[in-house]
Amino acid sequence: MSDTISRLFETAQPVVVAEGESLFHVGDPVQRVYCVSVGCLALRRMAETGAEMIMQTARQGAVLAEASLYSDTYHCDGIALEASSCKAMPKPIFLDILNRDEALRNAWIAHLARGIQSARARAEIRGLKTVARRLDMWLTLNGDLPEKGGRSALAAELGVSREALYREIARRRG
């Protein structure tokens, strides 16, 4: 995240979240905007089949569920994939800051545009037919595999089972 965007959270309140704990749930009213300080938070949606889908993974400096700022309720669960801390700013204060500061507003718009690009890349990855091709594209866009503790989240992000991802990783090392 840019220094300009991080300025938006200078006065935000710290929030600590244990691994597996939720910041918010589907249908909760959007009351705050969250910026990750430490750890990893994710937007999780459960498919009708019961499969977990990770819609966003947010690490240090990233804003979680930024598009929710323009919604009344959350469309996903916000969960900690590991012990995390973040800064929380009330939605009305955040919007007021954007309305008063053109430079911050423009930086925020650019940030949202990059989020759209990232979402399109994730959609493209999920549209690929094989686990191998999905993993290849993810690696091209993101670099190295996450550590072993983060691979379940990667499977959810790719839209594949953990077992299928682990088999593909083992095949490549094999």
N, C-alpha and C. Protein backbone atom coordinates (compact mmCIF):
# COMPACT_ATOMS: atom_id res chain seq x y z
N MET A 1 0.84 -1.17 0.00
CA MET A 1 0.00 0.00 0.00
C MET A 1 0.88 1.23 0.00
N SER A 2 0.40 2.26 -0.62
CA SER A 2 1.18 3.49 -0.70
C SER A 2 1.16 4.22 0.63
N ASP A 3 2.15 5.09 0.81
CA ASP A 3 2.20 5.92 2.02
C ASP A 3 0.97 6.80 2.11
N THR A 4 0.46 7.23 0.95
CA THR A 4 -0.72 8.08 0.93
C THR A 4 -1.91 7.34 1.52
N ILE A 5 -2.12 6.10 1.12
CA ILE A 5 -3.24 5.32 1.65
C ILE A 5 -3.02 5.03 3.13
N SER A 6 -1.81 4.72 3.53
CA SER A 6 -1.56 4.42 4.94
C SER A 6 -1.87 5.63 5.83
N ARG A 7 -1.76 6.83 5.27
CA ARG A 7 -2.13 8.04 6.04
C ARG A 7 -3.59 8.02 6.46
N LEU A 8 -4.43 7.35 5.68
CA LEU A 8 -5.85 7.26 6.02
C LEU A 8 -6.07 6.56 7.36
N PHE A 9 -5.12 5.73 7.77
CA PHE A 9 -5.29 4.93 8.97
C PHE A 9 -4.46 5.42 10.15
N GLU A 10 -3.90 6.63 10.05
CA GLU A 10 -3.05 7.15 11.12
C GLU A 10 -3.78 7.22 12.45
N THR A 11 -5.05 7.56 12.45
CA THR A 11 -5.80 7.72 13.70
C THR A 11 -6.69 6.52 14.02
N ALA A 12 -6.56 5.44 13.25
CA ALA A 12 -7.40 4.25 13.45
C ALA A 12 -7.03 3.51 14.74
N GLN A 13 -8.00 2.78 15.25
CA GLN A 13 -7.82 2.03 16.49
C GLN A 13 -7.27 0.63 16.20
N PRO A 14 -6.31 0.16 17.02
CA PRO A 14 -5.78 -1.20 16.81
C PRO A 14 -6.79 -2.28 17.21
N VAL A 15 -6.79 -3.37 16.46
CA VAL A 15 -7.65 -4.52 16.74
C VAL A 15 -6.77 -5.76 16.60
N VAL A 16 -6.82 -6.64 17.59
CA VAL A 16 -6.06 -7.89 17.55
C VAL A 16 -7.04 -9.02 17.28
N VAL A 17 -6.65 -9.93 16.37
CA VAL A 17 -7.53 -11.02 15.96
C VAL A 17 -6.74 -12.33 16.04
N ALA A 18 -7.25 -13.30 16.79
CA ALA A 18 -6.61 -14.60 16.89
C ALA A 18 -6.85 -15.41 15.62
N GLU A 19 -5.95 -16.34 15.35
CA GLU A 19 -6.12 -17.22 14.17
C GLU A 19 -7.49 -17.88 14.20
N GLY A 20 -8.20 -17.80 13.09
CA GLY A 20 -9.53 -18.40 12.98
C GLY A 20 -10.66 -17.52 13.44
N GLU A 21 -10.33 -16.43 14.12
CA GLU A 21 -11.36 -15.50 14.61
C GLU A 21 -11.86 -14.62 13.48
N SER A 22 -13.11 -14.17 13.59
CA SER A 22 -13.72 -13.33 12.57
C SER A 22 -13.77 -11.88 13.00
N LEU A 23 -13.54 -10.99 12.04
CA LEU A 23 -13.76 -9.56 12.24
C LEU A 23 -15.22 -9.20 11.97
N PHE A 24 -15.80 -9.90 10.97
CA PHE A 24 -17.18 -9.67 10.59
C PHE A 24 -17.68 -10.89 9.82
N HIS A 25 -19.00 -10.95 9.67
CA HIS A 25 -19.63 -12.08 8.98
C HIS A 25 -20.52 -11.57 7.84
N VAL A 26 -20.82 -12.47 6.91
CA VAL A 26 -21.75 -12.14 5.83
C VAL A 26 -23.03 -11.57 6.45
N GLY A 27 -23.48 -10.46 5.91
CA GLY A 27 -24.72 -9.84 6.37
C GLY A 27 -24.56 -8.83 7.49
N ASP A 28 -23.39 -8.82 8.15
CA ASP A 28 -23.15 -7.80 9.18
C ASP A 28 -23.14 -6.42 8.53
N PRO A 29 -23.61 -5.40 9.25
CA PRO A 29 -23.49 -4.04 8.70
C PRO A 29 -22.03 -3.60 8.63
N VAL A 30 -21.69 -2.89 7.57
CA VAL A 30 -20.33 -2.38 7.41
C VAL A 30 -20.20 -1.14 8.29
N GLN A 31 -19.40 -1.27 9.34
CA GLN A 31 -19.22 -0.17 10.28
C GLN A 31 -17.80 0.37 10.31
N ARG A 32 -16.83 -0.46 9.86
CA ARG A 32 -15.42 -0.08 9.92
C ARG A 32 -14.69 -0.49 8.64
N VAL A 33 -13.54 0.13 8.45
CA VAL A 33 -12.61 -0.22 7.38
C VAL A 33 -11.35 -0.72 8.08
N TYR A 34 -10.77 -1.82 7.60
CA TYR A 34 -9.64 -2.46 8.28
C TYR A 34 -8.40 -2.45 7.40
N CYS A 35 -7.27 -2.10 8.01
CA CYS A 35 -5.97 -2.16 7.35
C CYS A 35 -5.08 -3.09 8.18
N VAL A 36 -4.51 -4.10 7.54
CA VAL A 36 -3.71 -5.11 8.23
C VAL A 36 -2.36 -4.52 8.65
N SER A 37 -2.02 -4.69 9.92
CA SER A 37 -0.72 -4.27 10.44
C SER A 37 0.25 -5.44 10.48
N VAL A 38 -0.22 -6.58 10.98
CA VAL A 38 0.59 -7.79 11.13
C VAL A 38 -0.30 -8.99 10.86
N GLY A 39 0.25 -10.01 10.21
CA GLY A 39 -0.49 -11.24 10.01
C GLY A 39 -1.17 -11.31 8.66
N CYS A 40 -2.25 -12.09 8.62
CA CYS A 40 -2.96 -12.30 7.35
C CYS A 40 -4.45 -12.47 7.62
N LEU A 41 -5.23 -11.61 6.99
CA LEU A 41 -6.68 -11.68 7.07
C LEU A 41 -7.22 -12.01 5.69
N ALA A 42 -8.40 -12.59 5.65
CA ALA A 42 -8.96 -12.98 4.35
C ALA A 42 -10.46 -12.73 4.31
N LEU A 43 -10.94 -12.52 3.09
CA LEU A 43 -12.36 -12.53 2.82
C LEU A 43 -12.71 -13.94 2.39
N ARG A 44 -13.63 -14.56 3.12
CA ARG A 44 -13.98 -15.95 2.84
C ARG A 44 -15.48 -16.03 2.54
N ARG A 45 -15.77 -16.77 1.50
CA ARG A 45 -17.17 -17.03 1.15
C ARG A 45 -17.32 -18.54 1.06
N MET A 46 -18.41 -19.03 1.59
CA MET A 46 -18.68 -20.47 1.52
C MET A 46 -19.63 -20.72 0.35
N ALA A 47 -19.24 -21.63 -0.53
CA ALA A 47 -20.07 -21.99 -1.67
C ALA A 47 -21.23 -22.87 -1.18
N GLU A 48 -22.25 -22.99 -2.00
CA GLU A 48 -23.40 -23.83 -1.64
C GLU A 48 -22.98 -25.27 -1.41
N THR A 49 -21.88 -25.68 -2.04
CA THR A 49 -21.38 -27.05 -1.87
C THR A 49 -20.65 -27.23 -0.55
N GLY A 50 -20.41 -26.12 0.16
CA GLY A 50 -19.64 -26.19 1.39
C GLY A 50 -18.17 -25.89 1.19
N ALA A 51 -17.76 -25.72 -0.05
CA ALA A 51 -16.36 -25.41 -0.34
C ALA A 51 -16.04 -23.98 0.08
N GLU A 52 -14.86 -23.80 0.63
CA GLU A 52 -14.40 -22.48 1.05
C GLU A 52 -13.75 -21.78 -0.14
N MET A 53 -14.12 -20.52 -0.35
CA MET A 53 -13.49 -19.72 -1.40
C MET A 53 -12.89 -18.48 -0.74
N ILE A 54 -11.61 -18.25 -0.97
CA ILE A 54 -10.96 -17.04 -0.48
C ILE A 54 -11.04 -16.00 -1.59
N MET A 55 -11.72 -14.90 -1.30
CA MET A 55 -11.92 -13.85 -2.29
C MET A 55 -10.81 -12.80 -2.24
N GLN A 56 -10.17 -12.66 -1.08
CA GLN A 56 -9.06 -11.72 -0.91
C GLN A 56 -8.19 -12.20 0.23
N THR A 57 -6.90 -12.06 0.08
CA THR A 57 -5.94 -12.30 1.15
C THR A 57 -5.24 -10.98 1.40
N ALA A 58 -5.29 -10.51 2.64
CA ALA A 58 -4.71 -9.20 2.97
C ALA A 58 -3.61 -9.37 4.00
N ARG A 59 -2.42 -8.91 3.64
CA ARG A 59 -1.26 -8.94 4.53
C ARG A 59 -0.89 -7.51 4.92
N GLN A 60 0.23 -7.35 5.57
CA GLN A 60 0.66 -6.05 6.09
C GLN A 60 0.48 -4.93 5.07
N GLY A 61 -0.23 -3.88 5.50
CA GLY A 61 -0.44 -2.71 4.67
C GLY A 61 -1.64 -2.78 3.75
N ALA A 62 -2.29 -3.94 3.66
CA ALA A 62 -3.44 -4.09 2.76
C ALA A 62 -4.74 -3.77 3.50
N VAL A 63 -5.69 -3.24 2.77
CA VAL A 63 -7.02 -2.96 3.31
C VAL A 63 -7.90 -4.17 3.01
N LEU A 64 -8.58 -4.66 4.02
CA LEU A 64 -9.46 -5.82 3.87
C LEU A 64 -10.87 -5.35 3.51
N ALA A 65 -11.44 -5.94 2.50
CA ALA A 65 -12.83 -5.69 2.10
C ALA A 65 -13.08 -4.22 1.77
N GLU A 66 -12.14 -3.61 1.03
CA GLU A 66 -12.24 -2.19 0.76
C GLU A 66 -13.49 -1.82 -0.02
N ALA A 67 -13.98 -2.69 -0.89
CA ALA A 67 -15.19 -2.38 -1.65
C ALA A 67 -16.43 -2.34 -0.75
N SER A 68 -16.35 -2.99 0.42
CA SER A 68 -17.47 -2.98 1.36
C SER A 68 -17.76 -1.58 1.89
N LEU A 69 -16.80 -0.70 1.77
CA LEU A 69 -16.99 0.68 2.19
C LEU A 69 -18.22 1.29 1.51
N TYR A 70 -18.55 0.78 0.32
CA TYR A 70 -19.66 1.32 -0.45
C TYR A 70 -20.88 0.39 -0.43
N SER A 71 -20.96 -0.42 0.59
CA SER A 71 -22.07 -1.36 0.75
C SER A 71 -22.63 -1.21 2.17
N ASP A 72 -23.86 -1.60 2.34
CA ASP A 72 -24.46 -1.55 3.68
C ASP A 72 -24.04 -2.75 4.53
N THR A 73 -23.89 -3.92 3.87
CA THR A 73 -23.53 -5.14 4.60
C THR A 73 -22.38 -5.85 3.91
N TYR A 74 -21.70 -6.71 4.69
CA TYR A 74 -20.60 -7.51 4.13
C TYR A 74 -21.15 -8.67 3.31
N HIS A 75 -20.45 -9.00 2.24
CA HIS A 75 -20.84 -10.11 1.38
C HIS A 75 -19.97 -11.34 1.61
N CYS A 76 -18.99 -11.22 2.51
CA CYS A 76 -18.09 -12.32 2.86
C CYS A 76 -17.83 -12.27 4.36
N ASP A 77 -17.18 -13.31 4.86
CA ASP A 77 -16.68 -13.31 6.23
C ASP A 77 -15.26 -12.76 6.21
N GLY A 78 -14.90 -11.95 7.18
CA GLY A 78 -13.53 -11.48 7.35
C GLY A 78 -12.89 -12.28 8.46
N ILE A 79 -11.91 -13.13 8.12
CA ILE A 79 -11.32 -14.04 9.10
C ILE A 79 -9.80 -13.89 9.14
N ALA A 80 -9.24 -14.23 10.28
CA ALA A 80 -7.78 -14.23 10.44
C ALA A 80 -7.25 -15.60 10.06
N LEU A 81 -6.38 -15.64 9.05
CA LEU A 81 -5.75 -16.91 8.66
C LEU A 81 -4.60 -17.24 9.59
N GLU A 82 -4.13 -16.24 10.30
CA GLU A 82 -3.10 -16.40 11.34
C GLU A 82 -3.32 -15.29 12.34
N ALA A 83 -2.68 -15.38 13.49
CA ALA A 83 -2.80 -14.31 14.49
C ALA A 83 -2.44 -13.00 13.81
N SER A 84 -3.30 -12.01 13.95
CA SER A 84 -3.13 -10.77 13.19
C SER A 84 -3.52 -9.56 14.04
N SER A 85 -3.06 -8.42 13.58
CA SER A 85 -3.55 -7.16 14.13
C SER A 85 -3.82 -6.23 12.95
N CYS A 86 -4.75 -5.35 13.15
CA CYS A 86 -5.10 -4.41 12.09
C CYS A 86 -5.52 -3.10 12.73
N LYS A 87 -5.71 -2.10 11.89
CA LYS A 87 -6.22 -0.82 12.33
C LYS A 87 -7.64 -0.69 11.80
N ALA A 88 -8.55 -0.28 12.66
CA ALA A 88 -9.95 -0.16 12.29
C ALA A 88 -10.38 1.29 12.36
N MET A 89 -11.00 1.75 11.29
CA MET A 89 -11.49 3.13 11.24
C MET A 89 -12.99 3.09 10.97
N PRO A 90 -13.76 3.83 11.74
CA PRO A 90 -15.20 3.89 11.47
C PRO A 90 -15.47 4.37 10.04
N LYS A 91 -16.41 3.71 9.39
CA LYS A 91 -16.76 4.02 8.01
C LYS A 91 -17.08 5.49 7.79
N PRO A 92 -17.90 6.13 8.63
CA PRO A 92 -18.23 7.54 8.38
C PRO A 92 -17.01 8.47 8.44
N ILE A 93 -16.09 8.18 9.35
CA ILE A 93 -14.88 9.00 9.47
C ILE A 93 -14.00 8.81 8.23
N PHE A 94 -13.86 7.55 7.80
CA PHE A 94 -13.06 7.24 6.61
C PHE A 94 -13.61 7.99 5.39
N LEU A 95 -14.92 7.90 5.19
CA LEU A 95 -15.55 8.58 4.05
C LEU A 95 -15.40 10.10 4.15
N ASP A 96 -15.49 10.63 5.36
CA ASP A 96 -15.33 12.08 5.55
C ASP A 96 -13.92 12.53 5.16
N ILE A 97 -12.92 11.75 5.55
CA ILE A 97 -11.53 12.07 5.20
C ILE A 97 -11.38 12.08 3.68
N LEU A 98 -11.94 11.07 3.01
CA LEU A 98 -11.86 11.02 1.55
C LEU A 98 -12.56 12.22 0.91
N ASN A 99 -13.67 12.62 1.46
CA ASN A 99 -14.42 13.75 0.90
C ASN A 99 -13.68 15.08 1.07
N ARG A 100 -12.87 15.18 2.12
CA ARG A 100 -12.18 16.44 2.39
C ARG A 100 -10.81 16.55 1.74
N ASP A 101 -10.20 15.43 1.36
CA ASP A 101 -8.82 15.45 0.86
C ASP A 101 -8.75 14.84 -0.52
N GLU A 102 -8.61 15.68 -1.54
CA GLU A 102 -8.62 15.23 -2.92
C GLU A 102 -7.46 14.27 -3.23
N ALA A 103 -6.29 14.54 -2.69
CA ALA A 103 -5.13 13.67 -2.94
C ALA A 103 -5.37 12.27 -2.37
N LEU A 104 -5.91 12.20 -1.15
CA LEU A 104 -6.22 10.90 -0.56
C LEU A 104 -7.33 10.20 -1.35
N ARG A 105 -8.34 10.95 -1.76
CA ARG A 105 -9.43 10.38 -2.54
C ARG A 105 -8.91 9.78 -3.86
N ASN A 106 -8.02 10.51 -4.54
CA ASN A 106 -7.46 10.00 -5.79
C ASN A 106 -6.58 8.78 -5.56
N ALA A 107 -5.82 8.78 -4.47
CA ALA A 107 -5.00 7.60 -4.13
C ALA A 107 -5.91 6.41 -3.83
N TRP A 108 -7.02 6.65 -3.16
CA TRP A 108 -7.97 5.60 -2.84
C TRP A 108 -8.60 5.03 -4.12
N ILE A 109 -8.95 5.89 -5.05
CA ILE A 109 -9.52 5.45 -6.32
C ILE A 109 -8.50 4.57 -7.06
N ALA A 110 -7.25 4.97 -7.09
CA ALA A 110 -6.20 4.18 -7.74
C ALA A 110 -6.04 2.83 -7.04
N HIS A 111 -6.12 2.84 -5.72
CA HIS A 111 -6.03 1.61 -4.93
C HIS A 111 -7.17 0.65 -5.31
N LEU A 112 -8.38 1.19 -5.40
CA LEU A 112 -9.53 0.36 -5.77
C LEU A 112 -9.38 -0.21 -7.18
N ALA A 113 -8.83 0.60 -8.09
CA ALA A 113 -8.61 0.13 -9.46
C ALA A 113 -7.63 -1.05 -9.47
N ARG A 114 -6.57 -0.97 -8.67
CA ARG A 114 -5.62 -2.09 -8.58
C ARG A 114 -6.32 -3.33 -8.01
N GLY A 115 -7.25 -3.12 -7.08
CA GLY A 115 -8.01 -4.24 -6.52
C GLY A 115 -8.87 -4.92 -7.57
N ILE A 116 -9.44 -4.14 -8.47
CA ILE A 116 -10.23 -4.71 -9.57
C ILE A 116 -9.33 -5.54 -10.47
N GLN A 117 -8.15 -5.03 -10.78
CA GLN A 117 -7.20 -5.78 -11.60
C GLN A 117 -6.83 -7.11 -10.95
N SER A 118 -6.61 -7.07 -9.65
CA SER A 118 -6.27 -8.28 -8.91
C SER A 118 -7.43 -9.28 -8.93
N ALA A 119 -8.65 -8.78 -8.74
CA ALA A 119 -9.83 -9.66 -8.77
C ALA A 119 -9.99 -10.31 -10.14
N ARG A 120 -9.73 -9.55 -11.18
CA ARG A 120 -9.82 -10.12 -12.53
C ARG A 120 -8.77 -11.21 -12.73
N ALA A 121 -7.58 -11.00 -12.20
CA ALA A 121 -6.54 -12.02 -12.31
C ALA A 121 -6.96 -13.29 -11.57
N ARG A 122 -7.55 -13.14 -10.36
CA ARG A 122 -8.02 -14.31 -9.62
C ARG A 122 -9.11 -15.04 -10.39
N ALA A 123 -10.02 -14.29 -11.01
CA ALA A 123 -11.09 -14.90 -11.80
C ALA A 123 -10.50 -15.66 -12.99
N GLU A 124 -9.49 -15.08 -13.62
CA GLU A 124 -8.83 -15.74 -14.75
C GLU A 124 -8.18 -17.05 -14.29
N ILE A 125 -7.52 -17.00 -13.14
CA ILE A 125 -6.88 -18.20 -12.60
C ILE A 125 -7.93 -19.28 -12.36
N ARG A 126 -9.03 -18.92 -11.72
CA ARG A 126 -10.07 -19.91 -11.41
C ARG A 126 -10.74 -20.46 -12.66
N GLY A 127 -10.65 -19.74 -13.76
CA GLY A 127 -11.23 -20.20 -15.01
C GLY A 127 -10.38 -21.24 -15.72
N LEU A 128 -9.14 -21.40 -15.30
CA LEU A 128 -8.27 -22.41 -15.92
C LEU A 128 -8.71 -23.80 -15.49
N LYS A 129 -8.57 -24.76 -16.38
CA LYS A 129 -9.16 -26.09 -16.15
C LYS A 129 -8.38 -26.97 -15.19
N THR A 130 -7.05 -26.87 -15.15
CA THR A 130 -6.29 -27.81 -14.33
C THR A 130 -5.63 -27.10 -13.14
N VAL A 131 -5.37 -27.88 -12.12
CA VAL A 131 -4.67 -27.36 -10.95
C VAL A 131 -3.29 -26.87 -11.37
N ALA A 132 -2.64 -27.61 -12.24
CA ALA A 132 -1.29 -27.23 -12.70
C ALA A 132 -1.29 -25.86 -13.36
N ARG A 133 -2.25 -25.63 -14.24
CA ARG A 133 -2.31 -24.33 -14.93
C ARG A 133 -2.67 -23.21 -13.97
N ARG A 134 -3.58 -23.48 -13.03
CA ARG A 134 -3.94 -22.46 -12.03
C ARG A 134 -2.71 -22.09 -11.19
N LEU A 135 -1.98 -23.12 -10.75
CA LEU A 135 -0.80 -22.87 -9.94
C LEU A 135 0.27 -22.13 -10.74
N ASP A 136 0.48 -22.52 -11.99
CA ASP A 136 1.46 -21.84 -12.84
C ASP A 136 1.15 -20.35 -12.94
N MET A 137 -0.11 -20.01 -13.20
CA MET A 137 -0.46 -18.61 -13.35
C MET A 137 -0.31 -17.87 -12.03
N TRP A 138 -0.72 -18.51 -10.93
CA TRP A 138 -0.59 -17.87 -9.61
C TRP A 138 0.88 -17.59 -9.31
N LEU A 139 1.74 -18.54 -9.59
CA LEU A 139 3.17 -18.37 -9.35
C LEU A 139 3.75 -17.26 -10.24
N THR A 140 3.29 -17.17 -11.47
CA THR A 140 3.74 -16.10 -12.37
C THR A 140 3.38 -14.74 -11.80
N LEU A 141 2.19 -14.62 -11.24
CA LEU A 141 1.72 -13.33 -10.71
C LEU A 141 2.25 -13.02 -9.32
N ASN A 142 2.53 -14.06 -8.51
CA ASN A 142 2.83 -13.84 -7.10
C ASN A 142 4.20 -14.30 -6.64
N GLY A 143 4.93 -15.02 -7.46
CA GLY A 143 6.24 -15.49 -7.03
C GLY A 143 6.17 -16.85 -6.37
N ASP A 144 6.89 -17.01 -5.29
CA ASP A 144 7.04 -18.31 -4.63
C ASP A 144 5.77 -18.76 -3.92
N LEU A 145 5.71 -20.06 -3.67
CA LEU A 145 4.63 -20.64 -2.88
C LEU A 145 4.66 -20.08 -1.46
N PRO A 146 3.50 -19.95 -0.83
CA PRO A 146 3.51 -19.58 0.58
C PRO A 146 4.09 -20.72 1.42
N GLU A 147 4.48 -20.41 2.62
CA GLU A 147 4.98 -21.44 3.54
C GLU A 147 3.88 -22.48 3.74
N LYS A 148 4.26 -23.62 4.31
CA LYS A 148 3.31 -24.73 4.46
C LYS A 148 2.02 -24.31 5.18
N GLY A 149 2.08 -23.46 6.16
CA GLY A 149 0.87 -23.04 6.88
C GLY A 149 -0.09 -22.22 6.03
N GLY A 150 0.38 -21.64 4.92
CA GLY A 150 -0.47 -20.81 4.08
C GLY A 150 -1.00 -21.50 2.84
N ARG A 151 -0.76 -22.77 2.71
CA ARG A 151 -1.14 -23.46 1.48
C ARG A 151 -2.62 -23.82 1.44
N SER A 152 -3.25 -23.99 2.58
CA SER A 152 -4.71 -24.22 2.57
C SER A 152 -5.42 -22.99 2.02
N ALA A 153 -4.95 -21.82 2.42
CA ALA A 153 -5.53 -20.57 1.91
C ALA A 153 -5.27 -20.43 0.42
N LEU A 154 -4.10 -20.85 -0.04
CA LEU A 154 -3.79 -20.81 -1.47
C LEU A 154 -4.75 -21.72 -2.23
N ALA A 155 -5.02 -22.91 -1.71
CA ALA A 155 -5.96 -23.82 -2.36
C ALA A 155 -7.33 -23.16 -2.50
N ALA A 156 -7.78 -22.53 -1.44
CA ALA A 156 -9.07 -21.84 -1.49
C ALA A 156 -9.05 -20.69 -2.48
N GLU A 157 -7.93 -19.98 -2.54
CA GLU A 157 -7.80 -18.88 -3.50
C GLU A 157 -7.83 -19.39 -4.93
N LEU A 158 -7.21 -20.55 -5.17
CA LEU A 158 -7.19 -21.14 -6.51
C LEU A 158 -8.50 -21.83 -6.86
N GLY A 159 -9.34 -22.07 -5.84
CA GLY A 159 -10.60 -22.76 -6.09
C GLY A 159 -10.43 -24.25 -6.29
N VAL A 160 -9.45 -24.83 -5.58
CA VAL A 160 -9.19 -26.27 -5.66
C VAL A 160 -9.13 -26.84 -4.25
N SER A 161 -9.22 -28.15 -4.14
CA SER A 161 -9.11 -28.76 -2.81
C SER A 161 -7.65 -28.69 -2.34
N ARG A 162 -7.47 -28.76 -1.03
CA ARG A 162 -6.10 -28.79 -0.48
C ARG A 162 -5.35 -30.00 -1.01
N GLU A 163 -6.05 -31.13 -1.07
CA GLU A 163 -5.41 -32.36 -1.51
C GLU A 163 -4.91 -32.24 -2.95
N ALA A 164 -5.72 -31.64 -3.81
CA ALA A 164 -5.32 -31.47 -5.22
C ALA A 164 -4.10 -30.57 -5.32
N LEU A 165 -4.09 -29.49 -4.53
CA LEU A 165 -2.92 -28.60 -4.54
C LEU A 165 -1.69 -29.32 -4.03
N TYR A 166 -1.83 -30.05 -2.92
CA TYR A 166 -0.67 -30.76 -2.36
C TYR A 166 -0.13 -31.80 -3.34
N ARG A 167 -1.03 -32.50 -4.05
CA ARG A 167 -0.58 -33.47 -5.06
C ARG A 167 0.21 -32.78 -6.16
N GLU A 168 -0.26 -31.60 -6.60
CA GLU A 168 0.43 -30.88 -7.67
C GLU A 168 1.80 -30.39 -7.20
N ILE A 169 1.88 -29.91 -5.98
CA ILE A 169 3.17 -29.46 -5.44
C ILE A 169 4.12 -30.65 -5.34
N ALA A 170 3.62 -31.79 -4.83
CA ALA A 170 4.47 -32.99 -4.72
C ALA A 170 4.93 -33.47 -6.09
N ARG A 171 4.03 -33.43 -7.09
CA ARG A 171 4.40 -33.84 -8.45
C ARG A 171 5.54 -32.98 -8.99
N ARG A 172 5.51 -31.69 -8.70
CA ARG A 172 6.55 -30.79 -9.20
C ARG A 172 7.90 -31.03 -8.50
N ARG A 173 7.84 -31.47 -7.27
CA ARG A 173 9.08 -31.73 -6.53
C ARG A 173 9.63 -33.11 -6.83
N GLY A 174 8.72 -34.00 -7.32
CA GLY A 174 8.97 -35.39 -7.51
C GLY A 174 10.02 -35.79 -8.38
